[in-house]
Amino acid sequence: MKGIHWHGDTRKVARALPEQAKSLLGHALHKLQLGLMPNDWKPMITIGQGVCEIRIHADGEFRAVFLAEFDSQVHVLHVFRKKSRKTFKPDIDIARRRYRALMH
């Protein structure tokens, strides 16, 4: 089973999610640890190669940007509340910055 590496404040943010959203994120991350993909996800190639986001629809809209194909870890790059149809540039920038730091 893969471990989870939380980048920046992602663990703190994930722990502060509403209970249902936190539970859904936990189940999705567990699937990733087992080498499976979550039920609701999409690739985020604008951030980097192999980067995807978990889409959580509970008590609002939340996203967790991750990289699972890099090494024996699931790297959680960014967790945030999505407030519009389009992902805000600051959220993309945070995930991209953490991805670059991981790759170097």
PDB file of N, CA and C in Angstrom:
ATOM      1  N   MET A   1       0.841  -1.181   0.000  1.00  0.00           N
ATOM      2  CA  MET A   1       0.000   0.000   0.000  1.00  0.00           C
ATOM      3  C   MET A   1       0.886   1.244   0.000  1.00  0.00           C
ATOM      4  N   LYS A   2       0.538   2.212  -0.831  1.00  0.00           N
ATOM      5  CA  LYS A   2       1.285   3.465  -0.912  1.00  0.00           C
ATOM      6  C   LYS A   2       1.012   4.330   0.313  1.00  0.00           C
ATOM      7  N   GLY A   3       2.015   5.085   0.700  1.00  0.00           N
ATOM      8  CA  GLY A   3       1.835   6.066   1.756  1.00  0.00           C
ATOM      9  C   GLY A   3       1.277   7.349   1.172  1.00  0.00           C
ATOM     10  N   ILE A   4       0.923   8.286   2.034  1.00  0.00           N
ATOM     11  CA  ILE A   4       0.427   9.585   1.593  1.00  0.00           C
ATOM     12  C   ILE A   4       1.392  10.656   2.061  1.00  0.00           C
ATOM     13  N   HIS A   5       1.809  11.510   1.140  1.00  0.00           N
ATOM     14  CA  HIS A   5       2.648  12.662   1.476  1.00  0.00           C
ATOM     15  C   HIS A   5       1.818  13.919   1.253  1.00  0.00           C
ATOM     16  N   TRP A   6       1.601  14.661   2.324  1.00  0.00           N
ATOM     17  CA  TRP A   6       0.806  15.889   2.280  1.00  0.00           C
ATOM     18  C   TRP A   6       1.754  17.056   2.069  1.00  0.00           C
ATOM     19  N   HIS A   7       1.553  17.836   1.020  1.00  0.00           N
ATOM     20  CA  HIS A   7       2.412  18.978   0.723  1.00  0.00           C
ATOM     21  C   HIS A   7       1.789  20.256   1.281  1.00  0.00           C
ATOM     22  N   GLY A   8       2.660  21.122   1.800  1.00  0.00           N
ATOM     23  CA  GLY A   8       2.189  22.399   2.344  1.00  0.00           C
ATOM     24  C   GLY A   8       1.178  22.186   3.461  1.00  0.00           C
ATOM     25  N   ASP A   9       0.068  22.912   3.386  1.00  0.00           N
ATOM     26  CA  ASP A   9      -0.966  22.844   4.419  1.00  0.00           C
ATOM     27  C   ASP A   9      -2.109  21.889   4.069  1.00  0.00           C
ATOM     28  N   THR A  10      -1.884  20.987   3.105  1.00  0.00           N
ATOM     29  CA  THR A  10      -2.988  20.156   2.611  1.00  0.00           C
ATOM     30  C   THR A  10      -3.629  19.287   3.694  1.00  0.00           C
ATOM     31  N   ARG A  11      -2.842  18.751   4.586  1.00  0.00           N
ATOM     32  CA  ARG A  11      -3.416  17.902   5.633  1.00  0.00           C
ATOM     33  C   ARG A  11      -4.312  18.721   6.562  1.00  0.00           C
ATOM     34  N   LYS A  12      -3.852  19.899   6.929  1.00  0.00           N
ATOM     35  CA  LYS A  12      -4.641  20.790   7.796  1.00  0.00           C
ATOM     36  C   LYS A  12      -5.951  21.185   7.104  1.00  0.00           C
ATOM     37  N   VAL A  13      -5.873  21.533   5.829  1.00  0.00           N
ATOM     38  CA  VAL A  13      -7.064  21.917   5.068  1.00  0.00           C
ATOM     39  C   VAL A  13      -8.021  20.733   4.955  1.00  0.00           C
ATOM     40  N   ALA A  14      -7.492  19.541   4.665  1.00  0.00           N
ATOM     41  CA  ALA A  14      -8.338  18.343   4.539  1.00  0.00           C
ATOM     42  C   ALA A  14      -9.053  18.039   5.858  1.00  0.00           C
ATOM     43  N   ARG A  15      -8.363  18.201   6.962  1.00  0.00           N
ATOM     44  CA  ARG A  15      -8.978  17.928   8.271  1.00  0.00           C
ATOM     45  C   ARG A  15     -10.085  18.926   8.608  1.00  0.00           C
ATOM     46  N   ALA A  16     -10.050  20.109   7.986  1.00  0.00           N
ATOM     47  CA  ALA A  16     -11.050  21.137   8.260  1.00  0.00           C
ATOM     48  C   ALA A  16     -12.266  21.056   7.329  1.00  0.00           C
ATOM     49  N   LEU A  17     -12.264  20.118   6.394  1.00  0.00           N
ATOM     50  CA  LEU A  17     -13.411  19.962   5.495  1.00  0.00           C
ATOM     51  C   LEU A  17     -14.639  19.526   6.277  1.00  0.00           C
ATOM     52  N   PRO A  18     -15.838  19.805   5.746  1.00  0.00           N
ATOM     53  CA  PRO A  18     -17.050  19.264   6.366  1.00  0.00           C
ATOM     54  C   PRO A  18     -16.955  17.737   6.443  1.00  0.00           C
ATOM     55  N   GLU A  19     -17.602  17.141   7.439  1.00  0.00           N
ATOM     56  CA  GLU A  19     -17.459  15.704   7.705  1.00  0.00           C
ATOM     57  C   GLU A  19     -17.691  14.817   6.483  1.00  0.00           C
ATOM     58  N   GLN A  20     -18.768  15.053   5.737  1.00  0.00           N
ATOM     59  CA  GLN A  20     -19.056  14.199   4.577  1.00  0.00           C
ATOM     60  C   GLN A  20     -17.974  14.343   3.509  1.00  0.00           C
ATOM     61  N   ALA A  21     -17.528  15.556   3.258  1.00  0.00           N
ATOM     62  CA  ALA A  21     -16.469  15.788   2.271  1.00  0.00           C
ATOM     63  C   ALA A  21     -15.165  15.128   2.726  1.00  0.00           C
ATOM     64  N   LYS A  22     -14.869  15.240   4.016  1.00  0.00           N
ATOM     65  CA  LYS A  22     -13.660  14.624   4.570  1.00  0.00           C
ATOM     66  C   LYS A  22     -13.707  13.106   4.419  1.00  0.00           C
ATOM     67  N   SER A  23     -14.868  12.525   4.666  1.00  0.00           N
ATOM     68  CA  SER A  23     -15.030  11.079   4.526  1.00  0.00           C
ATOM     69  C   SER A  23     -14.844  10.639   3.072  1.00  0.00           C
ATOM     70  N   LEU A  24     -15.447  11.371   2.141  1.00  0.00           N
ATOM     71  CA  LEU A  24     -15.300  11.032   0.720  1.00  0.00           C
ATOM     72  C   LEU A  24     -13.845  11.171   0.265  1.00  0.00           C
ATOM     73  N   LEU A  25     -13.155  12.201   0.746  1.00  0.00           N
ATOM     74  CA  LEU A  25     -11.744  12.364   0.413  1.00  0.00           C
ATOM     75  C   LEU A  25     -10.937  11.197   0.967  1.00  0.00           C
ATOM     76  N   GLY A  26     -11.224  10.800   2.197  1.00  0.00           N
ATOM     77  CA  GLY A  26     -10.518   9.668   2.798  1.00  0.00           C
ATOM     78  C   GLY A  26     -10.694   8.392   1.999  1.00  0.00           C
ATOM     79  N   HIS A  27     -11.907   8.125   1.548  1.00  0.00           N
ATOM     80  CA  HIS A  27     -12.161   6.921   0.735  1.00  0.00           C
ATOM     81  C   HIS A  27     -11.421   6.998  -0.596  1.00  0.00           C
ATOM     82  N   ALA A  28     -11.420   8.168  -1.216  1.00  0.00           N
ATOM     83  CA  ALA A  28     -10.729   8.340  -2.497  1.00  0.00           C
ATOM     84  C   ALA A  28      -9.222   8.149  -2.330  1.00  0.00           C
ATOM     85  N   LEU A  29      -8.650   8.710  -1.267  1.00  0.00           N
ATOM     86  CA  LEU A  29      -7.217   8.549  -1.030  1.00  0.00           C
ATOM     87  C   LEU A  29      -6.860   7.100  -0.724  1.00  0.00           C
ATOM     88  N   HIS A  30      -7.740   6.413  -0.014  1.00  0.00           N
ATOM     89  CA  HIS A  30      -7.494   4.995   0.276  1.00  0.00           C
ATOM     90  C   HIS A  30      -7.442   4.185  -1.018  1.00  0.00           C
ATOM     91  N   LYS A  31      -8.347   4.470  -1.951  1.00  0.00           N
ATOM     92  CA  LYS A  31      -8.319   3.777  -3.244  1.00  0.00           C
ATOM     93  C   LYS A  31      -6.986   4.029  -3.955  1.00  0.00           C
ATOM     94  N   LEU A  32      -6.522   5.275  -3.902  1.00  0.00           N
ATOM     95  CA  LEU A  32      -5.229   5.588  -4.518  1.00  0.00           C
ATOM     96  C   LEU A  32      -4.095   4.805  -3.861  1.00  0.00           C
ATOM     97  N   GLN A  33      -4.151   4.680  -2.545  1.00  0.00           N
ATOM     98  CA  GLN A  33      -3.126   3.921  -1.837  1.00  0.00           C
ATOM     99  C   GLN A  33      -3.093   2.463  -2.288  1.00  0.00           C
ATOM    100  N   LEU A  34      -4.251   1.963  -2.676  1.00  0.00           N
ATOM    101  CA  LEU A  34      -4.352   0.574  -3.140  1.00  0.00           C
ATOM    102  C   LEU A  34      -4.024   0.427  -4.625  1.00  0.00           C
ATOM    103  N   GLY A  35      -3.710   1.538  -5.286  1.00  0.00           N
ATOM    104  CA  GLY A  35      -3.384   1.489  -6.705  1.00  0.00           C
ATOM    105  C   GLY A  35      -4.585   1.635  -7.621  1.00  0.00           C
ATOM    106  N   LEU A  36      -5.732   2.020  -7.057  1.00  0.00           N
ATOM    107  CA  LEU A  36      -6.958   2.212  -7.836  1.00  0.00           C
ATOM    108  C   LEU A  36      -7.227   3.699  -7.981  1.00  0.00           C
ATOM    109  N   MET A  37      -8.037   4.049  -8.966  1.00  0.00           N
ATOM    110  CA  MET A  37      -8.410   5.453  -9.128  1.00  0.00           C
ATOM    111  C   MET A  37      -9.705   5.725  -8.376  1.00  0.00           C
ATOM    112  N   PRO A  38      -9.876   6.952  -7.869  1.00  0.00           N
ATOM    113  CA  PRO A  38     -11.112   7.316  -7.176  1.00  0.00           C
ATOM    114  C   PRO A  38     -12.304   7.277  -8.131  1.00  0.00           C
ATOM    115  N   ASN A  39     -13.498   7.321  -7.580  1.00  0.00           N
ATOM    116  CA  ASN A  39     -14.704   7.279  -8.400  1.00  0.00           C
ATOM    117  C   ASN A  39     -14.865   8.515  -9.274  1.00  0.00           C
ATOM    118  N   ASP A  40     -14.547   9.688  -8.765  1.00  0.00           N
ATOM    119  CA  ASP A  40     -14.757  10.931  -9.508  1.00  0.00           C
ATOM    120  C   ASP A  40     -13.452  11.712  -9.547  1.00  0.00           C
ATOM    121  N   TRP A  41     -12.801  11.695 -10.691  1.00  0.00           N
ATOM    122  CA  TRP A  41     -11.512  12.358 -10.844  1.00  0.00           C
ATOM    123  C   TRP A  41     -11.352  12.824 -12.284  1.00  0.00           C
ATOM    124  N   LYS A  42     -10.379  13.692 -12.501  1.00  0.00           N
ATOM    125  CA  LYS A  42     -10.033  14.089 -13.862  1.00  0.00           C
ATOM    126  C   LYS A  42      -8.566  14.493 -13.903  1.00  0.00           C
ATOM    127  N   PRO A  43      -7.928  14.337 -15.040  1.00  0.00           N
ATOM    128  CA  PRO A  43      -6.525  14.738 -15.163  1.00  0.00           C
ATOM    129  C   PRO A  43      -6.387  16.257 -15.119  1.00  0.00           C
ATOM    130  N   MET A  44      -5.276  16.720 -14.600  1.00  0.00           N
ATOM    131  CA  MET A  44      -4.976  18.158 -14.519  1.00  0.00           C
ATOM    132  C   MET A  44      -3.629  18.417 -15.205  1.00  0.00           C
ATOM    133  N   ILE A  45      -3.581  18.172 -16.507  1.00  0.00           N
ATOM    134  CA  ILE A  45      -2.319  18.285 -17.239  1.00  0.00           C
ATOM    135  C   ILE A  45      -1.778  19.713 -17.258  1.00  0.00           C
ATOM    136  N   THR A  46      -2.630  20.703 -16.975  1.00  0.00           N
ATOM    137  CA  THR A  46      -2.141  22.080 -16.908  1.00  0.00           C
ATOM    138  C   THR A  46      -1.203  22.279 -15.717  1.00  0.00           C
ATOM    139  N   ILE A  47      -1.295  21.401 -14.727  1.00  0.00           N
ATOM    140  CA  ILE A  47      -0.417  21.487 -13.556  1.00  0.00           C
ATOM    141  C   ILE A  47       0.858  20.691 -13.785  1.00  0.00           C
ATOM    142  N   GLY A  48       0.726  19.484 -14.348  1.00  0.00           N
ATOM    143  CA  GLY A  48       1.902  18.670 -14.611  1.00  0.00           C
ATOM    144  C   GLY A  48       1.549  17.271 -15.055  1.00  0.00           C
ATOM    145  N   GLN A  49       2.523  16.576 -15.585  1.00  0.00           N
ATOM    146  CA  GLN A  49       2.354  15.211 -16.072  1.00  0.00           C
ATOM    147  C   GLN A  49       1.939  14.278 -14.942  1.00  0.00           C
ATOM    148  N   GLY A  50       0.821  13.584 -15.105  1.00  0.00           N
ATOM    149  CA  GLY A  50       0.350  12.622 -14.120  1.00  0.00           C
ATOM    150  C   GLY A  50      -0.469  13.217 -12.981  1.00  0.00           C
ATOM    151  N   VAL A  51      -0.667  14.525 -12.991  1.00  0.00           N
ATOM    152  CA  VAL A  51      -1.424  15.177 -11.927  1.00  0.00           C
ATOM    153  C   VAL A  51      -2.922  15.059 -12.227  1.00  0.00           C
ATOM    154  N   CYS A  52      -3.697  14.720 -11.197  1.00  0.00           N
ATOM    155  CA  CYS A  52      -5.146  14.589 -11.324  1.00  0.00           C
ATOM    156  C   CYS A  52      -5.809  15.276 -10.141  1.00  0.00           C
ATOM    157  N   GLU A  53      -7.126  15.439 -10.238  1.00  0.00           N
ATOM    158  CA  GLU A  53      -7.855  15.984  -9.103  1.00  0.00           C
ATOM    159  C   GLU A  53      -8.997  15.045  -8.736  1.00  0.00           C
ATOM    160  N   ILE A  54      -9.210  14.922  -7.448  1.00  0.00           N
ATOM    161  CA  ILE A  54     -10.371  14.217  -6.913  1.00  0.00           C
ATOM    162  C   ILE A  54     -11.472  15.260  -6.805  1.00  0.00           C
ATOM    163  N   ARG A  55     -12.642  14.923  -7.300  1.00  0.00           N
ATOM    164  CA  ARG A  55     -13.782  15.841  -7.233  1.00  0.00           C
ATOM    165  C   ARG A  55     -14.745  15.355  -6.158  1.00  0.00           C
ATOM    166  N   ILE A  56     -15.006  16.225  -5.194  1.00  0.00           N
ATOM    167  CA  ILE A  56     -15.846  15.882  -4.054  1.00  0.00           C
ATOM    168  C   ILE A  56     -17.088  16.770  -4.081  1.00  0.00           C
ATOM    169  N   HIS A  57     -18.239  16.127  -4.107  1.00  0.00           N
ATOM    170  CA  HIS A  57     -19.519  16.842  -4.149  1.00  0.00           C
ATOM    171  C   HIS A  57     -20.270  16.539  -2.848  1.00  0.00           C
ATOM    172  N   ALA A  58     -20.004  17.309  -1.804  1.00  0.00           N
ATOM    173  CA  ALA A  58     -20.647  17.107  -0.505  1.00  0.00           C
ATOM    174  C   ALA A  58     -20.509  18.381   0.303  1.00  0.00           C
ATOM    175  N   ASP A  59     -21.632  18.925   0.754  1.00  0.00           N
ATOM    176  CA  ASP A  59     -21.591  20.169   1.532  1.00  0.00           C
ATOM    177  C   ASP A  59     -20.837  21.256   0.769  1.00  0.00           C
ATOM    178  N   GLY A  60     -20.999  21.286  -0.542  1.00  0.00           N
ATOM    179  CA  GLY A  60     -20.267  22.201  -1.408  1.00  0.00           C
ATOM    180  C   GLY A  60     -19.411  21.403  -2.367  1.00  0.00           C
ATOM    181  N   GLU A  61     -18.543  22.082  -3.055  1.00  0.00           N
ATOM    182  CA  GLU A  61     -17.632  21.446  -4.006  1.00  0.00           C
ATOM    183  C   GLU A  61     -16.204  21.596  -3.502  1.00  0.00           C
ATOM    184  N   PHE A  62     -15.476  20.493  -3.468  1.00  0.00           N
ATOM    185  CA  PHE A  62     -14.094  20.488  -2.998  1.00  0.00           C
ATOM    186  C   PHE A  62     -13.244  19.715  -3.985  1.00  0.00           C
ATOM    187  N   ARG A  63     -11.963  20.036  -4.005  1.00  0.00           N
ATOM    188  CA  ARG A  63     -11.028  19.351  -4.881  1.00  0.00           C
ATOM    189  C   ARG A  63      -9.759  19.023  -4.109  1.00  0.00           C
ATOM    190  N   ALA A  64      -9.155  17.905  -4.482  1.00  0.00           N
ATOM    191  CA  ALA A  64      -7.840  17.527  -3.971  1.00  0.00           C
ATOM    192  C   ALA A  64      -6.983  17.185  -5.183  1.00  0.00           C
ATOM    193  N   VAL A  65      -5.913  17.923  -5.376  1.00  0.00           N
ATOM    194  CA  VAL A  65      -5.013  17.708  -6.502  1.00  0.00           C
ATOM    195  C   VAL A  65      -3.917  16.764  -6.026  1.00  0.00           C
ATOM    196  N   PHE A  66      -3.675  15.714  -6.811  1.00  0.00           N
ATOM    197  CA  PHE A  66      -2.729  14.690  -6.377  1.00  0.00           C
ATOM    198  C   PHE A  66      -1.875  14.171  -7.519  1.00  0.00           C
ATOM    199  N   LEU A  67      -0.809  13.508  -7.141  1.00  0.00           N
ATOM    200  CA  LEU A  67       0.070  12.796  -8.059  1.00  0.00           C
ATOM    201  C   LEU A  67       0.317  11.429  -7.440  1.00  0.00           C
ATOM    202  N   ALA A  68      -0.071  10.371  -8.132  1.00  0.00           N
ATOM    203  CA  ALA A  68       0.052   9.030  -7.557  1.00  0.00           C
ATOM    204  C   ALA A  68       1.051   8.153  -8.309  1.00  0.00           C
ATOM    205  N   GLU A  69       1.562   8.602  -9.436  1.00  0.00           N
ATOM    206  CA  GLU A  69       2.421   7.764 -10.270  1.00  0.00           C
ATOM    207  C   GLU A  69       3.906   8.101 -10.163  1.00  0.00           C
ATOM    208  N   PHE A  70       4.281   8.952  -9.233  1.00  0.00           N
ATOM    209  CA  PHE A  70       5.662   9.417  -9.146  1.00  0.00           C
ATOM    210  C   PHE A  70       6.581   8.434  -8.435  1.00  0.00           C
ATOM    211  N   ASP A  71       6.197   7.963  -7.291  1.00  0.00           N
ATOM    212  CA  ASP A  71       6.998   7.000  -6.530  1.00  0.00           C
ATOM    213  C   ASP A  71       6.034   6.164  -5.700  1.00  0.00           C
ATOM    214  N   SER A  72       6.464   5.660  -4.596  1.00  0.00           N
ATOM    215  CA  SER A  72       5.594   4.792  -3.792  1.00  0.00           C
ATOM    216  C   SER A  72       4.673   5.584  -2.875  1.00  0.00           C
ATOM    217  N   GLN A  73       4.486   6.847  -3.158  1.00  0.00           N
ATOM    218  CA  GLN A  73       3.639   7.712  -2.351  1.00  0.00           C
ATOM    219  C   GLN A  73       2.505   8.291  -3.192  1.00  0.00           C
ATOM    220  N   VAL A  74       1.404   8.615  -2.533  1.00  0.00           N
ATOM    221  CA  VAL A  74       0.368   9.457  -3.118  1.00  0.00           C
ATOM    222  C   VAL A  74       0.693  10.863  -2.628  1.00  0.00           C
ATOM    223  N   HIS A  75       0.972  11.765  -3.545  1.00  0.00           N
ATOM    224  CA  HIS A  75       1.332  13.138  -3.188  1.00  0.00           C
ATOM    225  C   HIS A  75       0.096  14.016  -3.309  1.00  0.00           C
ATOM    226  N   VAL A  76      -0.379  14.540  -2.186  1.00  0.00           N
ATOM    227  CA  VAL A  76      -1.522  15.448  -2.184  1.00  0.00           C
ATOM    228  C   VAL A  76      -0.931  16.860  -2.271  1.00  0.00           C
ATOM    229  N   LEU A  77      -1.110  17.487  -3.427  1.00  0.00           N
ATOM    230  CA  LEU A  77      -0.484  18.772  -3.705  1.00  0.00           C
ATOM    231  C   LEU A  77      -1.300  19.963  -3.222  1.00  0.00           C
ATOM    232  N   HIS A  78      -2.634  19.830  -3.266  1.00  0.00           N
ATOM    233  CA  HIS A  78      -3.472  20.970  -2.883  1.00  0.00           C
ATOM    234  C   HIS A  78      -4.886  20.470  -2.602  1.00  0.00           C
ATOM    235  N   VAL A  79      -5.516  21.020  -1.570  1.00  0.00           N
ATOM    236  CA  VAL A  79      -6.911  20.734  -1.231  1.00  0.00           C
ATOM    237  C   VAL A  79      -7.603  22.082  -1.093  1.00  0.00           C
ATOM    238  N   PHE A  80      -8.765  22.226  -1.742  1.00  0.00           N
ATOM    239  CA  PHE A  80      -9.444  23.521  -1.703  1.00  0.00           C
ATOM    240  C   PHE A  80     -10.933  23.377  -1.984  1.00  0.00           C
ATOM    241  N   ARG A  81     -11.668  24.418  -1.601  1.00  0.00           N
ATOM    242  CA  ARG A  81     -13.092  24.512  -1.913  1.00  0.00           C
ATOM    243  C   ARG A  81     -13.215  25.163  -3.278  1.00  0.00           C
ATOM    244  N   LYS A  82     -13.988  24.574  -4.148  1.00  0.00           N
ATOM    245  CA  LYS A  82     -14.194  25.127  -5.485  1.00  0.00           C
ATOM    246  C   LYS A  82     -15.454  25.977  -5.451  1.00  0.00           C
ATOM    247  N   LYS A  83     -15.324  27.232  -5.861  1.00  0.00           N
ATOM    248  CA  LYS A  83     -16.420  28.185  -5.728  1.00  0.00           C
ATOM    249  C   LYS A  83     -17.061  28.563  -7.054  1.00  0.00           C
ATOM    250  N   SER A  84     -16.489  28.109  -8.168  1.00  0.00           N
ATOM    251  CA  SER A  84     -17.064  28.412  -9.476  1.00  0.00           C
ATOM    252  C   SER A  84     -16.768  27.256 -10.423  1.00  0.00           C
ATOM    253  N   ARG A  85     -17.324  27.312 -11.610  1.00  0.00           N
ATOM    254  CA  ARG A  85     -17.104  26.228 -12.580  1.00  0.00           C
ATOM    255  C   ARG A  85     -15.634  26.116 -12.961  1.00  0.00           C
ATOM    256  N   LYS A  86     -14.966  27.246 -13.056  1.00  0.00           N
ATOM    257  CA  LYS A  86     -13.559  27.262 -13.438  1.00  0.00           C
ATOM    258  C   LYS A  86     -12.692  27.291 -12.180  1.00  0.00           C
ATOM    259  N   THR A  87     -11.615  26.522 -12.187  1.00  0.00           N
ATOM    260  CA  THR A  87     -10.694  26.529 -11.052  1.00  0.00           C
ATOM    261  C   THR A  87      -9.926  27.845 -11.047  1.00  0.00           C
ATOM    262  N   PHE A  88      -9.909  28.508  -9.900  1.00  0.00           N
ATOM    263  CA  PHE A  88      -9.228  29.791  -9.781  1.00  0.00           C
ATOM    264  C   PHE A  88      -7.730  29.641 -10.020  1.00  0.00           C
ATOM    265  N   LYS A  89      -7.131  30.631 -10.664  1.00  0.00           N
ATOM    266  CA  LYS A  89      -5.708  30.608 -10.977  1.00  0.00           C
ATOM    267  C   LYS A  89      -4.838  30.445  -9.726  1.00  0.00           C
ATOM    268  N   PRO A  90      -5.138  31.112  -8.604  1.00  0.00           N
ATOM    269  CA  PRO A  90      -4.293  30.896  -7.412  1.00  0.00           C
ATOM    270  C   PRO A  90      -4.248  29.423  -6.967  1.00  0.00           C
ATOM    271  N   ASP A  91      -5.352  28.694  -7.111  1.00  0.00           N
ATOM    272  CA  ASP A  91      -5.348  27.277  -6.746  1.00  0.00           C
ATOM    273  C   ASP A  91      -4.481  26.468  -7.705  1.00  0.00           C
ATOM    274  N   ILE A  92      -4.545  26.776  -8.978  1.00  0.00           N
ATOM    275  CA  ILE A  92      -3.696  26.102  -9.961  1.00  0.00           C
ATOM    276  C   ILE A  92      -2.229  26.426  -9.688  1.00  0.00           C
ATOM    277  N   ASP A  93      -1.948  27.690  -9.382  1.00  0.00           N
ATOM    278  CA  ASP A  93      -0.568  28.110  -9.118  1.00  0.00           C
ATOM    279  C   ASP A  93       0.022  27.403  -7.901  1.00  0.00           C
ATOM    280  N   ILE A  94      -0.766  27.245  -6.844  1.00  0.00           N
ATOM    281  CA  ILE A  94      -0.277  26.548  -5.641  1.00  0.00           C
ATOM    282  C   ILE A  94       0.077  25.110  -5.986  1.00  0.00           C
ATOM    283  N   ALA A  95      -0.823  24.415  -6.671  1.00  0.00           N
ATOM    284  CA  ALA A  95      -0.571  23.017  -7.036  1.00  0.00           C
ATOM    285  C   ALA A  95       0.625  22.916  -7.974  1.00  0.00           C
ATOM    286  N   ARG A  96       0.732  23.822  -8.935  1.00  0.00           N
ATOM    287  CA  ARG A  96       1.846  23.798  -9.891  1.00  0.00           C
ATOM    288  C   ARG A  96       3.169  24.032  -9.180  1.00  0.00           C
ATOM    289  N   ARG A  97       3.202  24.973  -8.239  1.00  0.00           N
ATOM    290  CA  ARG A  97       4.428  25.269  -7.488  1.00  0.00           C
ATOM    291  C   ARG A  97       4.861  24.045  -6.672  1.00  0.00           C
ATOM    292  N   ARG A  98       3.919  23.379  -6.029  1.00  0.00           N
ATOM    293  CA  ARG A  98       4.250  22.191  -5.228  1.00  0.00           C
ATOM    294  C   ARG A  98       4.680  21.028  -6.115  1.00  0.00           C
ATOM    295  N   TYR A  99       4.072  20.910  -7.288  1.00  0.00           N
ATOM    296  CA  TYR A  99       4.476  19.869  -8.249  1.00  0.00           C
ATOM    297  C   TYR A  99       5.924  20.098  -8.691  1.00  0.00           C
ATOM    298  N   ARG A 100       6.236  21.343  -9.042  1.00  0.00           N
ATOM    299  CA  ARG A 100       7.616  21.655  -9.485  1.00  0.00           C
ATOM    300  C   ARG A 100       8.622  21.368  -8.384  1.00  0.00           C
ATOM    301  N   ALA A 101       8.284  21.720  -7.156  1.00  0.00           N
ATOM    302  CA  ALA A 101       9.202  21.465  -6.025  1.00  0.00           C
ATOM    303  C   ALA A 101       9.414  19.959  -5.856  1.00  0.00           C
ATOM    304  N   LEU A 102       8.364  19.177  -6.062  1.00  0.00           N
ATOM    305  CA  LEU A 102       8.484  17.719  -5.936  1.00  0.00           C
ATOM    306  C   LEU A 102       9.366  17.138  -7.030  1.00  0.00           C
ATOM    307  N   MET A 103       9.292  17.690  -8.219  1.00  0.00           N
ATOM    308  CA  MET A 103      10.045  17.163  -9.352  1.00  0.00           C
ATOM    309  C   MET A 103      11.510  17.567  -9.337  1.00  0.00           C
ATOM    310  N   HIS A 104      11.877  18.558  -8.514  1.00  0.00           N
ATOM    311  CA  HIS A 104      13.272  19.008  -8.473  1.00  0.00           C
ATOM    312  C   HIS A 104      13.972  18.630  -7.231  1.00  0.00           C
TER     313      HIS A 104
END
